[in-house]
Amino acid sequence: MAGIALLAGLALAAVLVAVPLPTLFGEAFSGKESALRPALWVGLGLFLMLFVLNLTERIREGHLEVASNNLWGAAGNLMAAVFVSVGVWWIPQVWFLVVAVHGAMVLSKLCNTVALWRKHPLMIPSVKSFRFATARHLFSDGIAFSTCCLVTGIVEYNFCGWLVGRDGGPAAIALYGVFITLTVMQLGFVVMLSTPTWPAVAEALARNDRAWAVQAAKRLYRYGTGFAICSALGLLVLGPLLLPLWLGREFSHMSRVLLGCYGLYFIAHVWRHLNHAMMIGTGQVGKLVRIQLVESACVAVSGAVALHFGGIEALLGTMGVIILAMTGTVLPKRVASVLSNR
């Protein structure tokens, strides 16, 4: 993973050096290179560190120690809140805000890594223990697993965010970034339930305890979907009042149409995540990858068209409809077929 991070870092660094920023992000960002370029270089370094340090959380999950990930993640969020407060008042620069948010995450993951190695010394990387055959197997399985877990974020957060910035400029990408932040923050509550559930379901199926697996899946679907619906309704009713208090008067123009479209997307996003967890728990990663790639391609193309003709509202609504129509419909049937042993 460190080797992959190095290659990715060199490729991205070459792009930052060779390609002008307005070409990457649109003409609306012309004249802002002095603020953007330092933040991009800082962000690249943080991204590469997160790329490697995320392995710690996967190892914790393998040891069924998700509670440790949640603890260190909460500590990182608190540190980020403190750092951002400092930055807003004393260092109001883009690069420092990037460091404040993501640097706190890196620091918390480093602490989590040290704590992991102290508790499980065998997890400390060793060159002598490296085996190419094992690495090849892990790499192929890891690509499949990562594809189904990460491709949605790459398309819906990064690619669509890039399209929003090119189409509407800095103000539009700031607004879209608010919705991405809301999604990540709220999804964390669902992940705390789904992450320990899918390995438990896999173990139950391996022990032929199908009844327990079915009940666990039903509970996960019920809690996760209920949370998503309550969140969307709460945002639709109270969002125009609360969001300006949280984000400032500049965001007081958010309409209920916009919030409703986001609510639809968030419900669809959570529903898909729950089905992802159960597809993994029922041993259907290969099928999940193929289905997810098709859906993400449809989201990218349809979302670009919707954004061009209808703005962010149309983009969010289109993504929600496509997710519910594709993985939101196909994946539950695949999960049910395995749990019912059909």
C-alpha atoms as a PDB file:
ATOM      1  CA  MET A   1       0.000   0.000   0.000  1.00  0.00           C
ATOM      2  CA  ALA A   2       2.893   2.350   0.682  1.00  0.00           C
ATOM      3  CA  GLY A   3       4.253   1.563  -2.781  1.00  0.00           C
ATOM      4  CA  ILE A   4       0.877   2.266  -4.396  1.00  0.00           C
ATOM      5  CA  ALA A   5       0.633   5.525  -2.446  1.00  0.00           C
ATOM      6  CA  LEU A   6       4.077   6.554  -3.709  1.00  0.00           C
ATOM      7  CA  LEU A   7       3.140   5.910  -7.348  1.00  0.00           C
ATOM      8  CA  ALA A   8      -0.181   7.731  -6.961  1.00  0.00           C
ATOM      9  CA  GLY A   9       1.574  10.653  -5.270  1.00  0.00           C
ATOM     10  CA  LEU A  10       4.099  11.008  -8.092  1.00  0.00           C
ATOM     11  CA  ALA A  11       1.349  10.919 -10.725  1.00  0.00           C
ATOM     12  CA  LEU A  12      -0.807  13.507  -8.937  1.00  0.00           C
ATOM     13  CA  ALA A  13       2.208  15.717  -8.248  1.00  0.00           C
ATOM     14  CA  ALA A  14       3.035  15.677 -11.964  1.00  0.00           C
ATOM     15  CA  VAL A  15      -0.509  16.839 -12.738  1.00  0.00           C
ATOM     16  CA  LEU A  16      -0.283  19.696 -10.220  1.00  0.00           C
ATOM     17  CA  VAL A  17       3.030  20.838 -11.674  1.00  0.00           C
ATOM     18  CA  ALA A  18       2.140  20.526 -15.368  1.00  0.00           C
ATOM     19  CA  VAL A  19      -1.547  21.486 -15.598  1.00  0.00           C
ATOM     20  CA  PRO A  20      -2.749  25.048 -14.831  1.00  0.00           C
ATOM     21  CA  LEU A  21      -5.351  25.166 -12.079  1.00  0.00           C
ATOM     22  CA  PRO A  22      -8.025  26.929 -14.190  1.00  0.00           C
ATOM     23  CA  THR A  23      -7.753  24.058 -16.664  1.00  0.00           C
ATOM     24  CA  LEU A  24      -8.384  21.576 -13.846  1.00  0.00           C
ATOM     25  CA  PHE A  25     -11.131  23.380 -11.976  1.00  0.00           C
ATOM     26  CA  GLY A  26     -12.609  25.885 -14.434  1.00  0.00           C
ATOM     27  CA  GLU A  27     -12.103  29.534 -15.326  1.00  0.00           C
ATOM     28  CA  ALA A  28     -14.058  30.644 -12.252  1.00  0.00           C
ATOM     29  CA  PHE A  29     -10.941  29.749 -10.214  1.00  0.00           C
ATOM     30  CA  SER A  30      -8.604  32.009 -12.235  1.00  0.00           C
ATOM     31  CA  GLY A  31      -6.654  34.361 -10.003  1.00  0.00           C
ATOM     32  CA  LYS A  32      -7.030  32.125  -6.959  1.00  0.00           C
ATOM     33  CA  GLU A  33      -3.919  30.036  -7.572  1.00  0.00           C
ATOM     34  CA  SER A  34      -2.040  31.626  -4.663  1.00  0.00           C
ATOM     35  CA  ALA A  35      -4.647  30.298  -2.230  1.00  0.00           C
ATOM     36  CA  LEU A  36      -5.359  26.990  -3.947  1.00  0.00           C
ATOM     37  CA  ARG A  37      -1.908  25.701  -4.818  1.00  0.00           C
ATOM     38  CA  PRO A  38      -0.512  25.467  -1.240  1.00  0.00           C
ATOM     39  CA  ALA A  39      -3.778  23.808  -0.132  1.00  0.00           C
ATOM     40  CA  LEU A  40      -3.553  21.278  -2.983  1.00  0.00           C
ATOM     41  CA  TRP A  41       0.017  20.297  -2.104  1.00  0.00           C
ATOM     42  CA  VAL A  42      -0.887  19.986   1.576  1.00  0.00           C
ATOM     43  CA  GLY A  43      -3.987  18.002   0.643  1.00  0.00           C
ATOM     44  CA  LEU A  44      -1.957  15.647  -1.537  1.00  0.00           C
ATOM     45  CA  GLY A  45       0.421  14.873   1.324  1.00  0.00           C
ATOM     46  CA  LEU A  46      -2.455  14.277   3.739  1.00  0.00           C
ATOM     47  CA  PHE A  47      -4.255  12.088   1.197  1.00  0.00           C
ATOM     48  CA  LEU A  48      -1.224   9.828   0.805  1.00  0.00           C
ATOM     49  CA  MET A  49      -0.862   9.461   4.576  1.00  0.00           C
ATOM     50  CA  LEU A  50      -4.560   8.663   4.957  1.00  0.00           C
ATOM     51  CA  PHE A  51      -4.265   6.148   2.113  1.00  0.00           C
ATOM     52  CA  VAL A  52      -1.780   4.115   4.147  1.00  0.00           C
ATOM     53  CA  LEU A  53      -3.095   4.793   7.657  1.00  0.00           C
ATOM     54  CA  ASN A  54      -6.617   3.659   6.737  1.00  0.00           C
ATOM     55  CA  LEU A  55      -5.185   0.137   6.865  1.00  0.00           C
ATOM     56  CA  THR A  56      -5.165   0.432  10.656  1.00  0.00           C
ATOM     57  CA  GLU A  57      -8.943   0.708  10.770  1.00  0.00           C
ATOM     58  CA  ARG A  58      -9.352  -2.299   8.470  1.00  0.00           C
ATOM     59  CA  ILE A  59      -7.069  -4.322  10.772  1.00  0.00           C
ATOM     60  CA  ARG A  60      -9.104  -3.199  13.795  1.00  0.00           C
ATOM     61  CA  GLU A  61     -12.256  -4.384  12.028  1.00  0.00           C
ATOM     62  CA  GLY A  62     -10.581  -7.739  11.416  1.00  0.00           C
ATOM     63  CA  HIS A  63      -9.976  -8.019  15.154  1.00  0.00           C
ATOM     64  CA  LEU A  64     -13.592  -6.937  15.823  1.00  0.00           C
ATOM     65  CA  GLU A  65     -12.278  -3.798  17.542  1.00  0.00           C
ATOM     66  CA  VAL A  66     -14.486  -1.246  15.776  1.00  0.00           C
ATOM     67  CA  ALA A  67     -15.023   0.504  19.120  1.00  0.00           C
ATOM     68  CA  SER A  68     -11.352   1.565  19.058  1.00  0.00           C
ATOM     69  CA  ASN A  69     -11.810   3.068  15.589  1.00  0.00           C
ATOM     70  CA  ASN A  70     -14.859   4.973  16.817  1.00  0.00           C
ATOM     71  CA  LEU A  71     -12.976   6.236  19.870  1.00  0.00           C
ATOM     72  CA  TRP A  72      -9.990   7.526  17.902  1.00  0.00           C
ATOM     73  CA  GLY A  73     -12.295   8.886  15.198  1.00  0.00           C
ATOM     74  CA  ALA A  74     -14.215  10.883  17.793  1.00  0.00           C
ATOM     75  CA  ALA A  75     -10.925  12.215  19.173  1.00  0.00           C
ATOM     76  CA  GLY A  76      -9.946  13.278  15.648  1.00  0.00           C
ATOM     77  CA  ASN A  77     -13.242  15.105  15.171  1.00  0.00           C
ATOM     78  CA  LEU A  78     -12.765  16.977  18.436  1.00  0.00           C
ATOM     79  CA  MET A  79      -9.224  17.950  17.470  1.00  0.00           C
ATOM     80  CA  ALA A  80     -10.445  19.094  14.052  1.00  0.00           C
ATOM     81  CA  ALA A  81     -13.110  21.278  15.681  1.00  0.00           C
ATOM     82  CA  VAL A  82     -10.480  22.926  17.897  1.00  0.00           C
ATOM     83  CA  PHE A  83      -8.026  23.414  15.005  1.00  0.00           C
ATOM     84  CA  VAL A  84     -10.732  24.891  12.750  1.00  0.00           C
ATOM     85  CA  SER A  85     -11.747  27.331  15.491  1.00  0.00           C
ATOM     86  CA  VAL A  86      -8.127  28.456  15.754  1.00  0.00           C
ATOM     87  CA  GLY A  87      -7.872  28.808  11.990  1.00  0.00           C
ATOM     88  CA  VAL A  88     -11.074  30.822  11.589  1.00  0.00           C
ATOM     89  CA  TRP A  89      -9.908  33.423  14.094  1.00  0.00           C
ATOM     90  CA  TRP A  90      -6.109  33.541  13.667  1.00  0.00           C
ATOM     91  CA  ILE A  91      -5.046  31.759  10.447  1.00  0.00           C
ATOM     92  CA  PRO A  92      -7.905  32.146   7.913  1.00  0.00           C
ATOM     93  CA  GLN A  93      -6.073  30.439   5.067  1.00  0.00           C
ATOM     94  CA  VAL A  94      -7.310  27.595   2.878  1.00  0.00           C
ATOM     95  CA  TRP A  95      -4.199  25.493   3.442  1.00  0.00           C
ATOM     96  CA  PHE A  96      -4.548  25.743   7.234  1.00  0.00           C
ATOM     97  CA  LEU A  97      -8.200  24.680   7.140  1.00  0.00           C
ATOM     98  CA  VAL A  98      -7.149  21.644   5.090  1.00  0.00           C
ATOM     99  CA  VAL A  99      -4.531  20.828   7.722  1.00  0.00           C
ATOM    100  CA  ALA A 100      -6.999  21.503  10.546  1.00  0.00           C
ATOM    101  CA  VAL A 101      -9.617  19.063   9.292  1.00  0.00           C
ATOM    102  CA  HIS A 102      -7.577  16.325   7.648  1.00  0.00           C
ATOM    103  CA  GLY A 103      -4.420  16.762   9.713  1.00  0.00           C
ATOM    104  CA  ALA A 104      -6.443  15.999  12.828  1.00  0.00           C
ATOM    105  CA  MET A 105      -7.655  12.811  11.136  1.00  0.00           C
ATOM    106  CA  VAL A 106      -4.075  11.824  10.304  1.00  0.00           C
ATOM    107  CA  LEU A 107      -2.991  12.454  13.887  1.00  0.00           C
ATOM    108  CA  SER A 108      -5.851  10.363  15.312  1.00  0.00           C
ATOM    109  CA  LYS A 109      -5.093   7.516  12.874  1.00  0.00           C
ATOM    110  CA  LEU A 110      -1.402   7.629  13.837  1.00  0.00           C
ATOM    111  CA  CYS A 111      -2.377   7.296  17.501  1.00  0.00           C
ATOM    112  CA  ASN A 112      -4.727   4.447  16.605  1.00  0.00           C
ATOM    113  CA  THR A 113      -1.885   2.735  14.732  1.00  0.00           C
ATOM    114  CA  VAL A 114       0.507   2.993  17.673  1.00  0.00           C
ATOM    115  CA  ALA A 115      -2.178   1.653  20.026  1.00  0.00           C
ATOM    116  CA  LEU A 116      -2.855  -1.231  17.619  1.00  0.00           C
ATOM    117  CA  TRP A 117       0.821  -2.194  17.423  1.00  0.00           C
ATOM    118  CA  ARG A 118       1.173  -2.104  21.202  1.00  0.00           C
ATOM    119  CA  LYS A 119      -1.825  -4.401  21.632  1.00  0.00           C
ATOM    120  CA  HIS A 120      -1.023  -6.679  18.660  1.00  0.00           C
ATOM    121  CA  PRO A 121       2.755  -6.681  18.083  1.00  0.00           C
ATOM    122  CA  LEU A 122       2.369  -9.194  15.232  1.00  0.00           C
ATOM    123  CA  MET A 123       0.619  -6.467  13.229  1.00  0.00           C
ATOM    124  CA  ILE A 124       3.811  -4.399  13.030  1.00  0.00           C
ATOM    125  CA  PRO A 125       4.940  -4.461   9.358  1.00  0.00           C
ATOM    126  CA  SER A 126       8.082  -6.494   8.681  1.00  0.00           C
ATOM    127  CA  VAL A 127       9.975  -6.773   5.410  1.00  0.00           C
ATOM    128  CA  LYS A 128      11.066 -10.286   6.394  1.00  0.00           C
ATOM    129  CA  SER A 129       7.430 -11.362   6.605  1.00  0.00           C
ATOM    130  CA  PHE A 130       6.509 -10.124   3.129  1.00  0.00           C
ATOM    131  CA  ARG A 131       5.291 -12.859   0.742  1.00  0.00           C
ATOM    132  CA  PHE A 132       4.585 -12.043  -2.915  1.00  0.00           C
ATOM    133  CA  ALA A 133       2.029 -14.848  -3.306  1.00  0.00           C
ATOM    134  CA  THR A 134       0.058 -13.617  -0.312  1.00  0.00           C
ATOM    135  CA  ALA A 135       0.382 -10.009  -1.442  1.00  0.00           C
ATOM    136  CA  ARG A 136      -0.934 -10.909  -4.891  1.00  0.00           C
ATOM    137  CA  HIS A 137      -3.970 -12.639  -3.359  1.00  0.00           C
ATOM    138  CA  LEU A 138      -4.653  -9.777  -0.969  1.00  0.00           C
ATOM    139  CA  PHE A 139      -4.235  -7.231  -3.750  1.00  0.00           C
ATOM    140  CA  SER A 140      -6.774  -8.887  -6.041  1.00  0.00           C
ATOM    141  CA  ASP A 141      -9.313  -9.359  -3.237  1.00  0.00           C
ATOM    142  CA  GLY A 142      -8.576  -5.891  -1.923  1.00  0.00           C
ATOM    143  CA  ILE A 143      -9.198  -4.286  -5.310  1.00  0.00           C
ATOM    144  CA  ALA A 144     -12.619  -5.947  -5.496  1.00  0.00           C
ATOM    145  CA  PHE A 145     -13.503  -4.995  -1.913  1.00  0.00           C
ATOM    146  CA  SER A 146     -12.227  -1.421  -2.270  1.00  0.00           C
ATOM    147  CA  THR A 147     -13.993  -0.936  -5.578  1.00  0.00           C
ATOM    148  CA  CYS A 148     -17.418  -1.650  -4.131  1.00  0.00           C
ATOM    149  CA  CYS A 149     -16.687   0.488  -1.053  1.00  0.00           C
ATOM    150  CA  LEU A 150     -14.837   3.465  -2.569  1.00  0.00           C
ATOM    151  CA  VAL A 151     -16.092   3.950  -6.117  1.00  0.00           C
ATOM    152  CA  THR A 152     -19.286   5.618  -4.891  1.00  0.00           C
ATOM    153  CA  GLY A 153     -17.318   8.263  -2.989  1.00  0.00           C
ATOM    154  CA  ILE A 154     -14.960   8.890  -5.893  1.00  0.00           C
ATOM    155  CA  VAL A 155     -17.853   9.435  -8.308  1.00  0.00           C
ATOM    156  CA  GLU A 156     -20.410  11.182  -6.093  1.00  0.00           C
ATOM    157  CA  TYR A 157     -18.105  13.219  -3.864  1.00  0.00           C
ATOM    158  CA  ASN A 158     -15.023  13.910  -5.956  1.00  0.00           C
ATOM    159  CA  PHE A 159     -16.084  13.672  -9.605  1.00  0.00           C
ATOM    160  CA  CYS A 160     -19.488  15.308  -9.146  1.00  0.00           C
ATOM    161  CA  GLY A 161     -17.900  17.925  -6.883  1.00  0.00           C
ATOM    162  CA  TRP A 162     -15.393  18.682  -9.621  1.00  0.00           C
ATOM    163  CA  LEU A 163     -18.264  19.058 -12.111  1.00  0.00           C
ATOM    164  CA  VAL A 164     -20.112  21.402  -9.738  1.00  0.00           C
ATOM    165  CA  GLY A 165     -16.992  23.574  -9.369  1.00  0.00           C
ATOM    166  CA  ARG A 166     -16.441  23.793 -13.112  1.00  0.00           C
ATOM    167  CA  ASP A 167     -20.109  24.601 -13.720  1.00  0.00           C
ATOM    168  CA  GLY A 168     -20.802  27.050 -10.897  1.00  0.00           C
ATOM    169  CA  GLY A 169     -17.454  28.164  -9.472  1.00  0.00           C
ATOM    170  CA  PRO A 170     -16.286  28.429  -5.844  1.00  0.00           C
ATOM    171  CA  ALA A 171     -19.700  29.336  -4.370  1.00  0.00           C
ATOM    172  CA  ALA A 172     -21.359  26.279  -5.917  1.00  0.00           C
ATOM    173  CA  ILE A 173     -18.650  23.872  -4.799  1.00  0.00           C
ATOM    174  CA  ALA A 174     -18.855  25.327  -1.273  1.00  0.00           C
ATOM    175  CA  LEU A 175     -22.593  24.592  -1.218  1.00  0.00           C
ATOM    176  CA  TYR A 176     -22.087  21.081  -2.579  1.00  0.00           C
ATOM    177  CA  GLY A 177     -19.325  20.547  -0.010  1.00  0.00           C
ATOM    178  CA  VAL A 178     -21.828  21.270   2.771  1.00  0.00           C
ATOM    179  CA  PHE A 179     -24.005  18.383   1.594  1.00  0.00           C
ATOM    180  CA  ILE A 180     -21.010  16.065   1.310  1.00  0.00           C
ATOM    181  CA  THR A 181     -20.003  16.989   4.864  1.00  0.00           C
ATOM    182  CA  LEU A 182     -23.539  16.326   6.104  1.00  0.00           C
ATOM    183  CA  THR A 183     -23.516  12.947   4.359  1.00  0.00           C
ATOM    184  CA  VAL A 184     -20.184  11.873   5.842  1.00  0.00           C
ATOM    185  CA  MET A 185     -21.082  13.076   9.346  1.00  0.00           C
ATOM    186  CA  GLN A 186     -24.463  11.352   9.414  1.00  0.00           C
ATOM    187  CA  LEU A 187     -23.350   8.172   7.678  1.00  0.00           C
ATOM    188  CA  GLY A 188     -20.874   7.673  10.517  1.00  0.00           C
ATOM    189  CA  PHE A 189     -23.766   6.780  12.840  1.00  0.00           C
ATOM    190  CA  VAL A 190     -24.925   4.090  10.411  1.00  0.00           C
ATOM    191  CA  VAL A 191     -21.401   2.758   9.871  1.00  0.00           C
ATOM    192  CA  MET A 192     -21.088   2.139  13.623  1.00  0.00           C
ATOM    193  CA  LEU A 193     -23.913  -0.401  13.215  1.00  0.00           C
ATOM    194  CA  SER A 194     -23.114  -1.816   9.783  1.00  0.00           C
ATOM    195  CA  THR A 195     -19.367  -2.392  10.176  1.00  0.00           C
ATOM    196  CA  PRO A 196     -19.611  -4.976  13.000  1.00  0.00           C
ATOM    197  CA  THR A 197     -22.787  -6.481  11.533  1.00  0.00           C
ATOM    198  CA  TRP A 198     -21.461  -7.770   8.206  1.00  0.00           C
ATOM    199  CA  PRO A 199     -18.621  -9.924   9.664  1.00  0.00           C
ATOM    200  CA  ALA A 200     -21.039 -11.204  12.308  1.00  0.00           C
ATOM    201  CA  VAL A 201     -23.515 -12.192   9.580  1.00  0.00           C
ATOM    202  CA  ALA A 202     -20.715 -13.893   7.627  1.00  0.00           C
ATOM    203  CA  GLU A 203     -19.723 -15.891  10.713  1.00  0.00           C
ATOM    204  CA  ALA A 204     -23.345 -16.832  11.420  1.00  0.00           C
ATOM    205  CA  LEU A 205     -23.774 -18.116   7.861  1.00  0.00           C
ATOM    206  CA  ALA A 206     -20.520 -20.070   8.162  1.00  0.00           C
ATOM    207  CA  ARG A 207     -21.935 -21.721  11.319  1.00  0.00           C
ATOM    208  CA  ASN A 208     -25.232 -22.312   9.472  1.00  0.00           C
ATOM    209  CA  ASP A 209     -27.053 -20.092  11.972  1.00  0.00           C
ATOM    210  CA  ARG A 210     -29.210 -18.599   9.239  1.00  0.00           C
ATOM    211  CA  ALA A 211     -31.980 -17.466  11.603  1.00  0.00           C
ATOM    212  CA  TRP A 212     -29.601 -15.194  13.530  1.00  0.00           C
ATOM    213  CA  ALA A 213     -28.182 -13.754  10.285  1.00  0.00           C
ATOM    214  CA  VAL A 214     -31.688 -12.943   9.031  1.00  0.00           C
ATOM    215  CA  GLN A 215     -32.620 -11.191  12.285  1.00  0.00           C
ATOM    216  CA  ALA A 216     -29.368  -9.211  12.318  1.00  0.00           C
ATOM    217  CA  ALA A 217     -29.947  -8.091   8.737  1.00  0.00           C
ATOM    218  CA  LYS A 218     -33.523  -7.039   9.520  1.00  0.00           C
ATOM    219  CA  ARG A 219     -32.373  -4.993  12.516  1.00  0.00           C
ATOM    220  CA  LEU A 220     -29.695  -3.283  10.471  1.00  0.00           C
ATOM    221  CA  TYR A 221     -32.120  -2.425   7.678  1.00  0.00           C
ATOM    222  CA  ARG A 222     -34.713  -1.169  10.158  1.00  0.00           C
ATOM    223  CA  TYR A 223     -32.381   1.034  12.205  1.00  0.00           C
ATOM    224  CA  GLY A 224     -30.406   2.391   9.252  1.00  0.00           C
ATOM    225  CA  THR A 225     -33.432   3.205   7.101  1.00  0.00           C
ATOM    226  CA  GLY A 226     -35.310   4.742  10.030  1.00  0.00           C
ATOM    227  CA  PHE A 227     -32.359   6.992  10.817  1.00  0.00           C
ATOM    228  CA  ALA A 228     -32.048   8.124   7.176  1.00  0.00           C
ATOM    229  CA  ILE A 229     -35.744   8.952   6.860  1.00  0.00           C
ATOM    230  CA  CYS A 230     -35.836  10.845  10.173  1.00  0.00           C
ATOM    231  CA  SER A 231     -32.700  12.777   9.205  1.00  0.00           C
ATOM    232  CA  ALA A 232     -34.103  13.739   5.795  1.00  0.00           C
ATOM    233  CA  LEU A 233     -37.447  14.858   7.257  1.00  0.00           C
ATOM    234  CA  GLY A 234     -35.730  16.814  10.026  1.00  0.00           C
ATOM    235  CA  LEU A 235     -33.476  18.592   7.539  1.00  0.00           C
ATOM    236  CA  LEU A 236     -36.435  19.397   5.291  1.00  0.00           C
ATOM    237  CA  VAL A 237     -38.450  20.902   8.155  1.00  0.00           C
ATOM    238  CA  LEU A 238     -35.719  22.572  10.236  1.00  0.00           C
ATOM    239  CA  GLY A 239     -32.879  22.975   7.742  1.00  0.00           C
ATOM    240  CA  PRO A 240     -33.767  26.511   6.546  1.00  0.00           C
ATOM    241  CA  LEU A 241     -33.712  27.633  10.183  1.00  0.00           C
ATOM    242  CA  LEU A 242     -30.738  25.713  11.579  1.00  0.00           C
ATOM    243  CA  LEU A 243     -28.262  25.626   8.690  1.00  0.00           C
ATOM    244  CA  PRO A 244     -27.760  29.437   8.609  1.00  0.00           C
ATOM    245  CA  LEU A 245     -27.053  29.349  12.357  1.00  0.00           C
ATOM    246  CA  TRP A 246     -24.417  26.658  11.794  1.00  0.00           C
ATOM    247  CA  LEU A 247     -22.894  27.850   8.517  1.00  0.00           C
ATOM    248  CA  GLY A 248     -23.625  31.584   8.492  1.00  0.00           C
ATOM    249  CA  ARG A 249     -26.040  33.918   6.741  1.00  0.00           C
ATOM    250  CA  GLU A 250     -24.521  33.150   3.354  1.00  0.00           C
ATOM    251  CA  PHE A 251     -26.363  29.797   3.430  1.00  0.00           C
ATOM    252  CA  SER A 252     -29.767  31.232   4.352  1.00  0.00           C
ATOM    253  CA  HIS A 253     -30.932  30.906   0.725  1.00  0.00           C
ATOM    254  CA  MET A 254     -31.191  27.095   0.860  1.00  0.00           C
ATOM    255  CA  SER A 255     -34.649  26.218  -0.415  1.00  0.00           C
ATOM    256  CA  ARG A 256     -36.734  23.280   0.732  1.00  0.00           C
ATOM    257  CA  VAL A 257     -36.590  21.958  -2.837  1.00  0.00           C
ATOM    258  CA  LEU A 258     -32.814  21.755  -2.558  1.00  0.00           C
ATOM    259  CA  LEU A 259     -33.017  20.175   0.906  1.00  0.00           C
ATOM    260  CA  GLY A 260     -35.669  17.730  -0.299  1.00  0.00           C
ATOM    261  CA  CYS A 261     -33.482  16.609  -3.201  1.00  0.00           C
ATOM    262  CA  TYR A 262     -30.593  16.129  -0.804  1.00  0.00           C
ATOM    263  CA  GLY A 263     -32.848  14.191   1.575  1.00  0.00           C
ATOM    264  CA  LEU A 264     -33.794  11.827  -1.261  1.00  0.00           C
ATOM    265  CA  TYR A 265     -30.117  11.326  -2.083  1.00  0.00           C
ATOM    266  CA  PHE A 266     -29.212  10.701   1.568  1.00  0.00           C
ATOM    267  CA  ILE A 267     -31.937   8.089   2.028  1.00  0.00           C
ATOM    268  CA  ALA A 268     -30.812   6.341  -1.150  1.00  0.00           C
ATOM    269  CA  HIS A 269     -27.164   6.603  -0.064  1.00  0.00           C
ATOM    270  CA  VAL A 270     -27.854   4.986   3.320  1.00  0.00           C
ATOM    271  CA  TRP A 271     -30.075   2.294   1.772  1.00  0.00           C
ATOM    272  CA  ARG A 272     -27.280   1.399  -0.636  1.00  0.00           C
ATOM    273  CA  HIS A 273     -24.728   1.319   2.176  1.00  0.00           C
ATOM    274  CA  LEU A 274     -26.862  -1.102   4.169  1.00  0.00           C
ATOM    275  CA  ASN A 275     -27.150  -3.381   1.138  1.00  0.00           C
ATOM    276  CA  HIS A 276     -23.396  -3.104   0.536  1.00  0.00           C
ATOM    277  CA  ALA A 277     -22.775  -4.323   4.079  1.00  0.00           C
ATOM    278  CA  MET A 278     -25.119  -7.271   3.647  1.00  0.00           C
ATOM    279  CA  MET A 279     -23.712  -8.160   0.208  1.00  0.00           C
ATOM    280  CA  ILE A 280     -20.249  -8.329   1.778  1.00  0.00           C
ATOM    281  CA  GLY A 281     -21.561 -10.273   4.772  1.00  0.00           C
ATOM    282  CA  THR A 282     -23.250 -12.814   2.491  1.00  0.00           C
ATOM    283  CA  GLY A 283     -20.086 -13.309   0.413  1.00  0.00           C
ATOM    284  CA  GLN A 284     -21.210 -11.587  -2.788  1.00  0.00           C
ATOM    285  CA  VAL A 285     -18.387  -9.071  -3.247  1.00  0.00           C
ATOM    286  CA  GLY A 286     -17.732 -10.023  -6.886  1.00  0.00           C
ATOM    287  CA  LYS A 287     -21.346  -9.482  -7.893  1.00  0.00           C
ATOM    288  CA  LEU A 288     -21.466  -6.266  -5.883  1.00  0.00           C
ATOM    289  CA  VAL A 289     -18.481  -4.842  -7.775  1.00  0.00           C
ATOM    290  CA  ARG A 290     -20.053  -5.404 -11.186  1.00  0.00           C
ATOM    291  CA  ILE A 291     -23.413  -3.949 -10.158  1.00  0.00           C
ATOM    292  CA  GLN A 292     -21.811  -0.946  -8.449  1.00  0.00           C
ATOM    293  CA  LEU A 293     -19.604  -0.078 -11.417  1.00  0.00           C
ATOM    294  CA  VAL A 294     -22.647   0.023 -13.701  1.00  0.00           C
ATOM    295  CA  GLU A 295     -24.557   2.223 -11.256  1.00  0.00           C
ATOM    296  CA  SER A 296     -21.648   4.628 -10.741  1.00  0.00           C
ATOM    297  CA  ALA A 297     -21.201   5.015 -14.501  1.00  0.00           C
ATOM    298  CA  CYS A 298     -24.908   5.886 -14.815  1.00  0.00           C
ATOM    299  CA  VAL A 299     -24.633   8.338 -11.918  1.00  0.00           C
ATOM    300  CA  ALA A 300     -21.620  10.081 -13.498  1.00  0.00           C
ATOM    301  CA  VAL A 301     -23.235  10.504 -16.920  1.00  0.00           C
ATOM    302  CA  SER A 302     -26.784  11.311 -15.787  1.00  0.00           C
ATOM    303  CA  GLY A 303     -25.535  13.549 -12.981  1.00  0.00           C
ATOM    304  CA  ALA A 304     -23.464  15.630 -15.394  1.00  0.00           C
ATOM    305  CA  VAL A 305     -26.502  16.142 -17.653  1.00  0.00           C
ATOM    306  CA  ALA A 306     -28.788  16.959 -14.710  1.00  0.00           C
ATOM    307  CA  LEU A 307     -26.295  19.460 -13.282  1.00  0.00           C
ATOM    308  CA  HIS A 308     -25.954  21.255 -16.609  1.00  0.00           C
ATOM    309  CA  PHE A 309     -29.701  21.699 -17.081  1.00  0.00           C
ATOM    310  CA  GLY A 310     -31.021  21.852 -13.513  1.00  0.00           C
ATOM    311  CA  GLY A 311     -28.237  22.740 -11.099  1.00  0.00           C
ATOM    312  CA  ILE A 312     -27.315  21.068  -7.814  1.00  0.00           C
ATOM    313  CA  GLU A 313     -30.940  20.226  -6.999  1.00  0.00           C
ATOM    314  CA  ALA A 314     -31.274  18.185 -10.185  1.00  0.00           C
ATOM    315  CA  LEU A 315     -27.875  16.542  -9.596  1.00  0.00           C
ATOM    316  CA  LEU A 316     -28.767  15.372  -6.070  1.00  0.00           C
ATOM    317  CA  GLY A 317     -32.254  14.234  -7.064  1.00  0.00           C
ATOM    318  CA  THR A 318     -30.966  12.349 -10.097  1.00  0.00           C
ATOM    319  CA  MET A 319     -28.326  10.551  -8.057  1.00  0.00           C
ATOM    320  CA  GLY A 320     -30.933   9.530  -5.494  1.00  0.00           C
ATOM    321  CA  VAL A 321     -33.331   8.179  -8.121  1.00  0.00           C
ATOM    322  CA  ILE A 322     -30.620   6.200  -9.937  1.00  0.00           C
ATOM    323  CA  ILE A 323     -29.328   4.653  -6.697  1.00  0.00           C
ATOM    324  CA  LEU A 324     -32.816   3.558  -5.628  1.00  0.00           C
ATOM    325  CA  ALA A 325     -33.614   2.232  -9.110  1.00  0.00           C
ATOM    326  CA  MET A 326     -30.392   0.224  -9.494  1.00  0.00           C
ATOM    327  CA  THR A 327     -28.493  -1.036  -6.450  1.00  0.00           C
ATOM    328  CA  GLY A 328     -31.404  -0.042  -4.217  1.00  0.00           C
ATOM    329  CA  THR A 329     -33.561  -2.564  -6.041  1.00  0.00           C
ATOM    330  CA  VAL A 330     -31.130  -5.257  -7.195  1.00  0.00           C
ATOM    331  CA  LEU A 331     -29.003  -5.684  -4.063  1.00  0.00           C
ATOM    332  CA  PRO A 332     -31.836  -6.411  -1.572  1.00  0.00           C
ATOM    333  CA  LYS A 333     -32.989  -9.266  -3.813  1.00  0.00           C
ATOM    334  CA  ARG A 334     -29.451 -10.691  -3.928  1.00  0.00           C
ATOM    335  CA  VAL A 335     -29.153 -10.476  -0.124  1.00  0.00           C
ATOM    336  CA  ALA A 336     -32.555 -12.068   0.407  1.00  0.00           C
ATOM    337  CA  SER A 337     -31.724 -14.933  -1.957  1.00  0.00           C
ATOM    338  CA  VAL A 338     -28.667 -15.904   0.115  1.00  0.00           C
ATOM    339  CA  LEU A 339     -30.285 -15.408   3.521  1.00  0.00           C
ATOM    340  CA  SER A 340     -33.283 -17.499   2.477  1.00  0.00           C
ATOM    341  CA  ASN A 341     -30.934 -20.101   0.930  1.00  0.00           C
ATOM    342  CA  ARG A 342     -32.739 -20.016  -2.413  1.00  0.00           C
END
